Protein backbone atom coordinates (compact mmCIF):
# COMPACT_ATOMS: atom_id res chain seq x y z
CA MET A 1 0.13 0.01 0.00
CA SER A 2 1.48 3.30 -1.08
CA ALA A 3 1.27 6.57 0.91
CA PRO A 4 -0.98 9.16 -0.56
CA ARG A 5 0.81 11.98 -2.50
CA ARG A 6 0.45 15.52 -1.51
CA ASN A 7 -2.05 17.62 -3.30
CA THR A 8 -1.62 21.15 -4.58
CA ALA A 9 -4.01 24.00 -3.58
CA SER A 10 -5.95 23.49 -6.97
CA GLN A 11 -6.19 19.61 -6.33
CA ARG A 12 -7.34 19.78 -2.81
CA GLY A 13 -11.08 19.17 -3.67
CA VAL A 14 -10.00 16.14 -5.77
CA GLY A 15 -7.62 14.80 -3.39
CA ARG A 16 -10.12 14.50 -0.37
CA PRO A 17 -11.93 11.36 -1.68
CA ALA A 18 -8.55 9.68 -2.45
CA ARG A 19 -7.31 10.39 1.05
CA LEU A 20 -10.58 9.19 2.52
CA THR A 21 -10.30 6.01 0.52
CA SER A 22 -6.76 5.62 1.59
CA MET A 23 -7.68 6.08 5.27
CA VAL A 24 -10.53 3.59 4.92
CA GLY A 25 -8.14 1.08 3.29
CA MET A 26 -5.56 1.59 6.08
CA ALA A 27 -8.21 1.07 8.73
CA GLY A 28 -9.53 -2.08 7.00
CA ALA A 29 -5.90 -3.44 6.87
CA LEU A 30 -5.39 -2.68 10.57
CA LEU A 31 -8.73 -4.29 11.44
CA LEU A 32 -7.96 -7.34 9.44
CA THR A 33 -4.45 -7.85 11.04
CA ALA A 34 -5.91 -7.11 14.34
CA SER A 35 -8.64 -9.68 13.91
CA THR A 36 -6.13 -12.36 12.94
CA ALA A 37 -3.83 -11.55 15.84
CA PHE A 38 -6.81 -11.44 18.26
CA MET A 39 -7.90 -14.91 17.27
CA ALA A 40 -4.28 -16.08 17.53
CA LEU A 41 -3.87 -14.64 20.97
CA ARG A 42 -7.25 -16.23 22.21
CA ARG A 43 -5.88 -19.62 20.94
CA LYS A 44 -2.43 -19.23 22.50
CA GLY A 45 -3.57 -17.63 25.87
CA THR A 46 -4.12 -20.74 28.11
CA GLU A 47 -5.29 -20.61 31.58
CA ALA A 48 -1.83 -21.40 32.97
CA ALA A 49 -0.41 -18.50 31.12
CA LYS A 50 -3.03 -16.23 32.57
CA ALA A 51 -2.39 -17.42 36.10
CA SER A 52 1.37 -16.78 35.92
CA ALA A 53 0.86 -13.22 34.57
CA PRO A 54 0.68 -10.25 36.93
CA ALA A 55 -2.85 -8.89 37.71
CA SER A 56 -2.16 -5.62 35.91
CA THR A 57 -1.04 -7.56 32.81
CA GLN A 58 -4.21 -9.69 32.98
CA ALA A 59 -6.54 -6.58 33.27
CA SER A 60 -4.72 -4.99 30.43
CA ALA A 61 -4.90 -8.01 28.19
CA ARG A 62 -8.67 -8.37 29.02
CA LEU A 63 -9.33 -4.63 28.09
CA ASP A 64 -7.42 -4.98 24.83
CA GLU A 65 -9.39 -8.11 24.02
CA ALA A 66 -12.69 -6.39 24.85
CA ARG A 67 -11.75 -3.56 22.58
CA LEU A 68 -10.82 -5.74 19.65
CA ARG A 69 -14.00 -7.77 20.21
CA GLY A 70 -16.14 -4.58 20.06
CA ILE A 71 -14.34 -3.38 16.92
CA ILE A 72 -14.85 -6.74 15.14
CA ARG A 73 -18.62 -7.02 16.21
CA SER A 74 -19.34 -3.44 15.09
CA SER A 75 -17.44 -3.64 11.79
CA MET A 76 -19.22 -2.90 8.65
CA GLU A 77 -17.29 -5.54 6.95
CA ALA A 78 -17.97 -9.19 7.19
CA ILE A 79 -14.99 -10.77 9.04
CA ILE A 80 -14.37 -14.59 8.97
CA THR A 81 -11.41 -16.50 10.53
CA ILE A 82 -10.49 -19.95 9.53
CA ASP A 83 -7.87 -22.39 10.70
CA GLU A 84 -5.36 -24.40 8.55
CA ASN A 85 -8.13 -26.91 7.86
CA GLN A 86 -10.42 -24.08 6.62
CA ARG A 87 -12.75 -24.47 9.60
CA ILE A 88 -14.54 -21.40 10.86
CA VAL A 89 -13.29 -20.08 14.22
CA MET A 90 -14.70 -16.61 13.97
CA PHE A 91 -17.81 -15.24 12.38
CA ASN A 92 -18.76 -11.65 13.20
CA PRO A 93 -22.34 -10.14 13.17
CA MET A 94 -21.93 -8.67 9.73
CA ALA A 95 -20.97 -12.12 8.28
CA GLU A 96 -24.04 -13.37 10.02
CA ARG A 97 -26.27 -10.84 8.15
CA LEU A 98 -24.39 -11.24 4.85
CA PHE A 99 -24.57 -14.93 4.85
CA GLY A 100 -27.94 -15.32 6.53
CA CYS A 101 -26.44 -17.81 9.01
CA PRO A 102 -25.99 -17.47 12.80
CA ALA A 103 -22.51 -17.62 14.14
CA ALA A 104 -23.51 -20.67 16.28
CA ASP A 105 -24.26 -22.55 13.13
CA ALA A 106 -21.14 -21.44 11.28
CA LEU A 107 -18.39 -21.91 13.83
CA GLY A 108 -16.60 -25.22 13.47
CA THR A 109 -18.03 -25.85 10.00
CA SER A 110 -16.01 -25.74 6.74
CA LEU A 111 -15.73 -22.40 4.95
CA SER A 112 -16.70 -24.28 1.61
CA ARG A 113 -20.30 -24.21 2.86
CA PHE A 114 -20.28 -20.46 1.90
CA VAL A 115 -18.54 -20.84 -1.41
CA PRO A 116 -20.44 -21.83 -4.61
CA GLU A 117 -19.66 -25.41 -5.48
CA ARG A 118 -18.01 -24.59 -8.91
CA PHE A 119 -15.43 -22.21 -7.08
CA ARG A 120 -14.64 -24.54 -4.03
CA ALA A 121 -11.61 -26.29 -5.34
CA GLY A 122 -10.04 -23.26 -6.61
CA HIS A 123 -10.74 -21.25 -3.44
CA GLU A 124 -9.30 -24.04 -1.27
CA ALA A 125 -6.15 -24.10 -3.38
CA HIS A 126 -5.86 -20.19 -3.29
CA VAL A 127 -5.96 -20.19 0.50
CA ARG A 128 -3.29 -23.04 0.66
CA GLN A 129 -1.05 -21.14 -1.73
CA PHE A 130 -1.54 -17.95 0.20
CA GLY A 131 -0.37 -19.75 3.43
CA VAL A 132 2.83 -21.00 1.57
CA THR A 133 3.85 -17.52 0.20
CA GLY A 134 4.40 -16.02 3.58
CA VAL A 135 2.74 -12.70 2.55
CA SER A 136 0.94 -11.19 5.57
CA ASP A 137 -2.07 -9.80 3.62
CA ARG A 138 -3.31 -9.28 0.19
CA GLN A 139 -6.53 -8.61 -1.84
CA MET A 140 -8.29 -11.69 -3.09
CA GLY A 141 -9.26 -12.23 -6.64
CA GLY A 142 -7.62 -9.22 -8.00
CA ARG A 143 -9.80 -7.86 -10.70
CA ARG A 144 -11.99 -10.93 -10.84
CA ILE A 145 -15.31 -10.88 -8.97
CA LEU A 146 -15.54 -13.37 -6.21
CA TYR A 147 -18.98 -15.02 -5.30
CA GLY A 148 -20.35 -16.20 -1.96
CA LEU A 149 -23.21 -18.56 -1.17
CA ARG A 150 -25.87 -17.48 1.38
CA ALA A 151 -27.42 -19.92 3.56
CA THR A 152 -30.63 -19.73 1.48
CA GLY A 153 -28.65 -20.83 -1.68
CA GLY A 154 -28.51 -17.54 -3.25
CA GLU A 155 -25.13 -16.14 -4.57
CA PHE A 156 -23.86 -12.68 -4.38
CA PRO A 157 -20.54 -10.90 -5.58
CA PHE A 158 -18.02 -9.55 -3.05
CA GLU A 159 -14.57 -7.97 -2.75
CA ALA A 160 -12.27 -9.39 -0.12
CA SER A 161 -8.90 -9.11 1.62
CA ILE A 162 -7.09 -12.05 3.40
CA SER A 163 -4.50 -11.86 6.22
CA GLN A 164 -2.66 -14.80 7.84
CA PHE A 165 -0.95 -15.16 11.30
CA GLY A 166 1.03 -18.01 12.32
CA ASP A 167 2.59 -19.31 15.60
CA GLU A 168 3.71 -22.56 17.09
CA ASN A 169 0.12 -23.78 17.06
CA GLY A 170 -0.33 -23.32 13.30
CA LYS A 171 -1.87 -20.56 10.98
CA LEU A 172 -5.18 -18.72 11.07
CA TYR A 173 -6.58 -16.87 8.14
CA THR A 174 -8.84 -13.99 8.39
CA VAL A 175 -11.01 -12.78 5.49
CA MET A 176 -12.62 -9.39 5.35
CA LEU A 177 -15.25 -9.09 2.68
CA ARG A 178 -17.89 -6.75 1.36
CA ASP A 179 -21.06 -7.33 -0.67
CA ILE A 180 -20.81 -5.40 -3.96
CA SER A 181 -24.06 -6.52 -5.57
CA ALA A 182 -25.19 -2.97 -6.04
CA GLN A 183 -21.93 -1.92 -7.66
CA VAL A 184 -21.88 -5.01 -10.03
CA ASP A 185 -25.51 -4.45 -10.91
CA ALA A 186 -24.83 -0.63 -11.64
CA GLU A 187 -21.81 -1.55 -13.84
CA ARG A 188 -23.84 -4.13 -15.79
CA SER A 189 -26.62 -1.54 -16.24
CA LEU A 190 -24.13 1.05 -17.44
CA GLN A 191 -22.70 -1.69 -19.79
CA ARG A 192 -26.11 -2.34 -21.16
CA SER A 193 -26.88 1.38 -21.70
CA HIS A 194 -23.52 1.75 -23.45
CA GLU A 195 -24.27 -1.26 -25.74
CA GLU A 196 -27.73 0.17 -26.52
CA LEU A 197 -26.29 3.65 -27.32
CA ARG A 198 -23.84 1.91 -29.63
CA GLU A 199 -26.70 0.01 -31.44
CA LEU A 200 -28.72 3.22 -31.56
CA SER A 201 -25.68 5.01 -33.26
CA ALA A 202 -25.27 2.13 -35.75
CA ASN A 203 -28.88 2.12 -36.51
CA LEU A 204 -28.83 5.88 -37.14
CA LEU A 205 -25.92 5.59 -39.41
CA ASN A 206 -27.71 3.00 -41.40
CA ILE A 207 -30.80 5.07 -41.64
CA ARG A 208 -28.86 8.09 -42.66
CA GLU A 209 -26.97 6.02 -45.24
CA GLU A 210 -30.17 4.68 -46.84
CA GLU A 211 -31.76 8.07 -46.87
CA LYS A 212 -28.65 9.67 -48.59
CA SER A 213 -28.68 6.85 -51.08
CA ARG A 214 -32.37 7.29 -51.84
CA ILE A 215 -32.05 11.11 -52.22
CA ALA A 216 -28.97 10.65 -54.45
CA ARG A 217 -30.87 8.21 -56.67
CA GLU A 218 -33.77 10.51 -57.04
CA LEU A 219 -31.52 13.38 -57.87
CA HIS A 220 -29.58 11.48 -60.38
CA ASP A 221 -32.32 9.51 -62.12
CA ASP A 222 -35.47 11.63 -61.73
CA LEU A 223 -34.32 15.26 -61.51
CA GLY A 224 -31.40 14.49 -63.97
CA GLN A 225 -33.79 12.99 -66.46
CA GLN A 226 -36.13 16.01 -66.32
CA LEU A 227 -33.36 18.49 -66.79
CA THR A 228 -32.04 16.53 -69.61
CA ALA A 229 -35.48 16.47 -71.32
CA LEU A 230 -35.88 20.17 -70.79
CA LYS A 231 -32.53 20.76 -72.41
CA MET A 232 -33.61 18.70 -75.44
CA ASP A 233 -36.83 20.79 -75.78
CA ILE A 234 -34.87 23.94 -75.66
CA SER A 235 -32.57 22.68 -78.37
CA SER A 236 -35.46 21.65 -80.53
CA LEU A 237 -37.10 25.31 -79.97
CA GLU A 238 -33.87 26.87 -80.91
CA LEU A 239 -33.45 24.95 -84.15
CA SER A 240 -37.15 25.48 -85.17
CA ALA A 241 -38.04 27.89 -87.95
CA GLY A 242 -39.16 31.35 -86.96
CA THR A 243 -36.85 31.61 -83.89
CA GLY A 244 -35.23 35.00 -83.99
CA ALA A 245 -31.56 35.70 -83.15
CA ASP A 246 -32.35 37.22 -79.81
CA ALA A 247 -34.55 34.27 -78.85
CA ARG A 248 -31.88 31.76 -79.93
CA ALA A 249 -29.28 33.58 -77.76
CA GLN A 250 -31.63 33.51 -74.83
CA LEU A 251 -32.28 29.75 -75.42
CA ARG A 252 -28.51 29.05 -75.49
CA GLY A 253 -28.19 30.98 -72.18
CA MET A 254 -30.98 28.68 -70.82
CA GLN A 255 -28.97 25.68 -71.97
CA ARG A 256 -25.86 26.72 -70.24
CA LEU A 257 -27.90 27.32 -67.02
CA ILE A 258 -29.27 23.71 -67.31
CA ASP A 259 -25.85 22.35 -67.84
CA ALA A 260 -24.60 24.08 -64.72
CA THR A 261 -27.65 22.91 -62.79
CA VAL A 262 -27.01 19.30 -63.96
CA ALA A 263 -23.39 19.59 -62.87
CA SER A 264 -24.43 20.84 -59.40
CA MET A 265 -27.03 18.11 -59.17
CA ARG A 266 -24.60 15.44 -59.86
CA ARG A 267 -21.97 16.87 -57.36
CA ILE A 268 -24.58 17.01 -54.72
CA ALA A 269 -25.71 13.48 -55.48
CA ALA A 270 -22.25 12.20 -55.46
CA ASP A 271 -21.47 13.83 -52.14
CA LEU A 272 -24.62 12.09 -50.73
CA ARG A 273 -23.48 8.82 -52.08
CA PRO A 274 -21.64 8.30 -55.30
CA VAL A 275 -23.39 6.01 -57.71
CA MET A 276 -20.05 4.39 -58.57
CA LEU A 277 -19.91 2.96 -54.85
CA ASP A 278 -22.75 0.72 -55.65
CA ASP A 279 -22.13 0.29 -59.41
CA LEU A 280 -18.34 -0.10 -59.60
CA GLY A 281 -17.38 -1.04 -56.01
CA LEU A 282 -15.25 0.52 -53.25
CA VAL A 283 -11.86 0.88 -54.88
CA PRO A 284 -13.02 2.98 -57.85
CA ALA A 285 -15.20 5.07 -55.40
CA ILE A 286 -12.03 5.94 -53.28
CA ASP A 287 -10.07 6.76 -56.44
CA TRP A 288 -12.86 9.17 -57.46
CA LEU A 289 -13.11 10.66 -54.02
CA ALA A 290 -9.41 11.26 -53.90
CA ILE A 291 -9.32 12.90 -57.38
CA ASP A 292 -12.31 15.11 -56.54
CA PHE A 293 -10.64 16.12 -53.32
CA THR A 294 -7.43 17.11 -55.06
CA ASN A 295 -9.45 19.14 -57.60
CA ARG A 296 -11.30 20.98 -54.90
CA TYR A 297 -8.65 21.79 -52.43
CA GLY A 298 -5.34 21.37 -54.42
CA ILE A 299 -4.09 18.75 -51.81
CA ASP A 300 -2.33 15.89 -53.44
CA VAL A 301 -3.55 12.33 -52.45
CA GLU A 302 -1.06 9.55 -52.86
CA ARG A 303 -2.90 6.21 -53.06
CA ARG A 304 -1.71 2.76 -52.20
CA ILE A 305 -4.52 0.39 -52.50
CA ASP A 306 -3.66 -3.28 -52.40
CA ALA A 307 -7.27 -4.65 -52.25
CA ARG A 308 -8.54 -4.26 -55.61
CA HIS A 309 -9.67 -7.92 -55.91
CA THR A 310 -11.10 -8.17 -52.51
CA ILE A 311 -14.82 -8.70 -52.29
CA PHE A 312 -16.41 -6.28 -49.75
CA SER A 313 -20.04 -6.42 -48.37
CA ARG A 314 -22.21 -3.33 -48.92
CA ASP A 315 -21.92 -2.39 -45.24
CA GLY A 316 -18.19 -2.89 -45.28
CA ALA A 317 -17.58 -0.80 -48.45
CA THR A 318 -19.82 1.85 -47.07
CA ALA A 319 -18.08 2.09 -43.70
CA ILE A 320 -14.49 2.24 -45.39
CA PHE A 321 -15.71 4.96 -47.86
CA ARG A 322 -17.25 7.15 -45.29
CA ILE A 323 -14.21 6.85 -43.03
CA VAL A 324 -12.00 8.00 -45.96
CA GLN A 325 -14.47 10.74 -46.87
CA GLU A 326 -14.53 11.96 -43.14
CA ALA A 327 -10.72 11.69 -42.85
CA LEU A 328 -10.23 13.78 -45.99
CA THR A 329 -12.75 16.28 -44.87
CA ASN A 330 -10.87 16.79 -41.53
CA VAL A 331 -7.65 17.38 -43.59
CA ALA A 332 -9.16 20.16 -45.75
CA ARG A 333 -10.75 21.79 -42.74
CA HIS A 334 -8.08 21.68 -40.06
CA ALA A 335 -4.67 20.16 -41.14
CA GLN A 336 -3.24 22.89 -43.48
CA ALA A 337 -1.52 19.96 -45.25
CA THR A 338 -0.13 19.75 -48.71
CA HIS A 339 0.00 16.01 -49.21
CA VAL A 340 -1.97 13.01 -47.93
CA ASP A 341 -1.01 9.35 -47.95
CA LEU A 342 -3.96 6.93 -48.33
CA ALA A 343 -3.37 3.26 -47.96
CA LEU A 344 -5.71 0.34 -48.02
CA TYR A 345 -4.24 -3.09 -47.75
CA LEU A 346 -4.58 -6.62 -46.26
CA GLU A 347 -2.49 -8.05 -43.58
CA GLY A 348 -3.32 -11.59 -42.83
CA ASP A 349 -6.92 -11.86 -41.90
CA ARG A 350 -7.12 -8.11 -41.31
CA CYS A 351 -7.87 -5.21 -43.52
CA ILE A 352 -5.98 -1.87 -42.67
CA LEU A 353 -6.94 1.61 -43.67
CA ARG A 354 -4.57 4.47 -43.05
CA ILE A 355 -5.00 8.12 -43.88
CA ALA A 356 -2.03 10.29 -42.91
CA ASP A 357 -1.24 14.03 -43.79
CA ASP A 358 1.77 16.27 -43.45
CA GLY A 359 -0.15 19.11 -41.73
CA ILE A 360 0.34 20.90 -38.45
CA GLY A 361 -0.95 18.02 -36.26
CA ALA A 362 -3.86 17.85 -33.95
CA HIS A 363 -2.23 19.85 -31.06
CA GLU A 364 -1.88 22.97 -33.19
CA ARG A 365 -5.35 22.99 -34.76
CA ALA A 366 -7.74 25.74 -33.97
CA ASP A 367 -10.27 23.22 -32.69
CA ALA A 368 -7.70 21.21 -30.60
CA GLY A 369 -9.75 21.74 -27.42
CA ARG A 370 -13.06 20.75 -28.87
CA LYS A 371 -14.58 17.40 -29.28
CA SER A 372 -14.08 16.08 -32.85
CA PHE A 373 -17.45 14.53 -33.91
CA GLY A 374 -15.73 13.40 -37.24
CA LEU A 375 -13.44 11.22 -35.21
CA ILE A 376 -16.33 9.99 -33.08
CA GLY A 377 -18.14 9.03 -36.32
CA ILE A 378 -15.02 7.17 -37.55
CA ARG A 379 -14.79 5.21 -34.29
CA GLU A 380 -18.53 4.31 -34.39
CA ARG A 381 -18.29 3.05 -38.02
CA ALA A 382 -15.18 1.08 -36.98
CA HIS A 383 -16.83 -0.40 -33.85
CA GLY A 384 -19.77 -1.60 -35.92
CA LEU A 385 -17.50 -4.01 -37.88
CA ASP A 386 -15.36 -4.88 -34.90
CA GLY A 387 -12.70 -2.56 -35.90
CA SER A 388 -10.19 -0.40 -33.87
CA VAL A 389 -8.98 3.09 -34.46
CA LEU A 390 -5.50 4.33 -33.87
CA ILE A 391 -4.79 8.12 -33.75
CA GLU A 392 -1.21 9.43 -34.28
CA SER A 393 -0.15 13.03 -34.13
CA GLY A 394 2.50 15.25 -32.93
CA LYS A 395 3.26 19.00 -33.07
CA GLY A 396 4.25 19.79 -36.61
CA GLN A 397 4.26 16.07 -37.49
CA GLY A 398 0.94 15.63 -39.19
CA PHE A 399 -2.05 13.59 -38.25
CA ALA A 400 -2.75 10.00 -39.03
CA VAL A 401 -5.75 7.80 -38.64
CA THR A 402 -5.36 3.99 -38.79
CA VAL A 403 -8.41 1.71 -38.78
CA THR A 404 -8.00 -1.91 -38.51
CA PHE A 405 -10.88 -4.42 -39.36
CA PRO A 406 -11.15 -8.12 -39.25
CA LEU A 407 -11.38 -9.02 -42.90
CA ALA A 408 -14.37 -11.40 -42.24
CA ALA A 409 -16.40 -8.50 -40.69
CA LEU A 410 -16.12 -6.74 -44.13
CA GLN A 411 -17.51 -9.62 -46.03
CA GLN A 412 -20.49 -10.66 -43.82
CA ASP A 413 -23.64 -9.77 -45.85
CA GLU A 414 -24.31 -10.04 -49.66
CA PRO A 415 -21.02 -9.08 -51.26
CA PHE A 416 -20.13 -7.08 -54.32
CA SER A 417 -16.84 -7.25 -56.07
CA ASP A 418 -14.24 -4.60 -56.41
CA ASN A 419 -12.96 -6.17 -59.66
CA PRO A 420 -14.55 -4.38 -62.56
CA GLU A 421 -14.17 -7.61 -64.61
CA ASN A 422 -16.84 -9.19 -62.56
CA ILE A 423 -19.49 -6.62 -62.72
CA GLU A 424 -21.52 -8.37 -65.51
CA GLU A 425 -21.36 -11.85 -63.55
CA GLU A 426 -22.45 -10.22 -60.18
CA PRO A 427 -24.80 -7.32 -61.00
CA LEU A 428 -25.95 -5.12 -58.16
CA GLN A 429 -29.48 -4.79 -57.29
């Protein structure tokens, strides 16, 4: 157990709970040691020894014994002492309440009656090993949750510390334990809420993607066809007899406006969801995205894609494309970069995506102190496919995002091929 560090004036409010926890831990350790020593002294103190001691010493010993007994009885922790045969020799009132068993029924019986059957062999071996180590006290279980068995047959989780004390008569082991059912239930509830939020986030991303796809298709197919038909009507009107020079000039202006509208509509549709992602596959869509990014922002994107013959599922391809899109958007907004390296490759049973720029790095960006929802979105998309995200950045050393996916997670649902030669064999629906 380490001593608590000194806190500065600005840390005093934060340090108080830590000091309180440390004090409680020290008190528990002292109580645990005292309990073991108390039982050893009781076992060692024979009537002959008492008779040979001076009256003042006997009175002092009785007073110390009464104090220790009072502390043990009033303890908020359950305290149980066992001998080398793991028979119970002390069972305080809190242990009675925790296990639902009177001390009179517990004393002299095996501790295993309060351990679930599936853990008994391991528990007995643990206590024996603890006796061999010579360590005076330690926390039981480490980070694992221990379980006790009530007299009614119900199980409950607990955390515990164990102490040993040995003399010529053998060893005694004292266990101090606390019911943590409420804590475990709260942690499980928090975990369930976290998982539900993850599922909600994934569902919202899917709904958003479907909506983008629908709007992009309507813009490209419906509105695009109508604008094309309007342009053909204007061309026909321009070529018809009786159209004056001024009217033809005006019609040509209308054609140019329609062309600009069609270009804007296609750009908007591609931003929502590029048609080539569904029609040609992931790799051509990434190539188009990189070229469009360079044309818009003047930032060169060097591509190293070694997955051109890999078959990705629709969800997998969408997730990778959106991660690349978000990463490039972050570069354009914040990085002040001139060059981007984009790599997509396979390594064993993993698929690795890495986007790195030569910009100013995360610590120097204007939004360095703000929460990046773009990175949160990248993490959520990666998590939805059991992937992991690694962020690397340094002052003036650029910014890099590496996303690692299990390859199997990218190929779970109905696949489409990124090999253009197979488009006719496996048409998209």
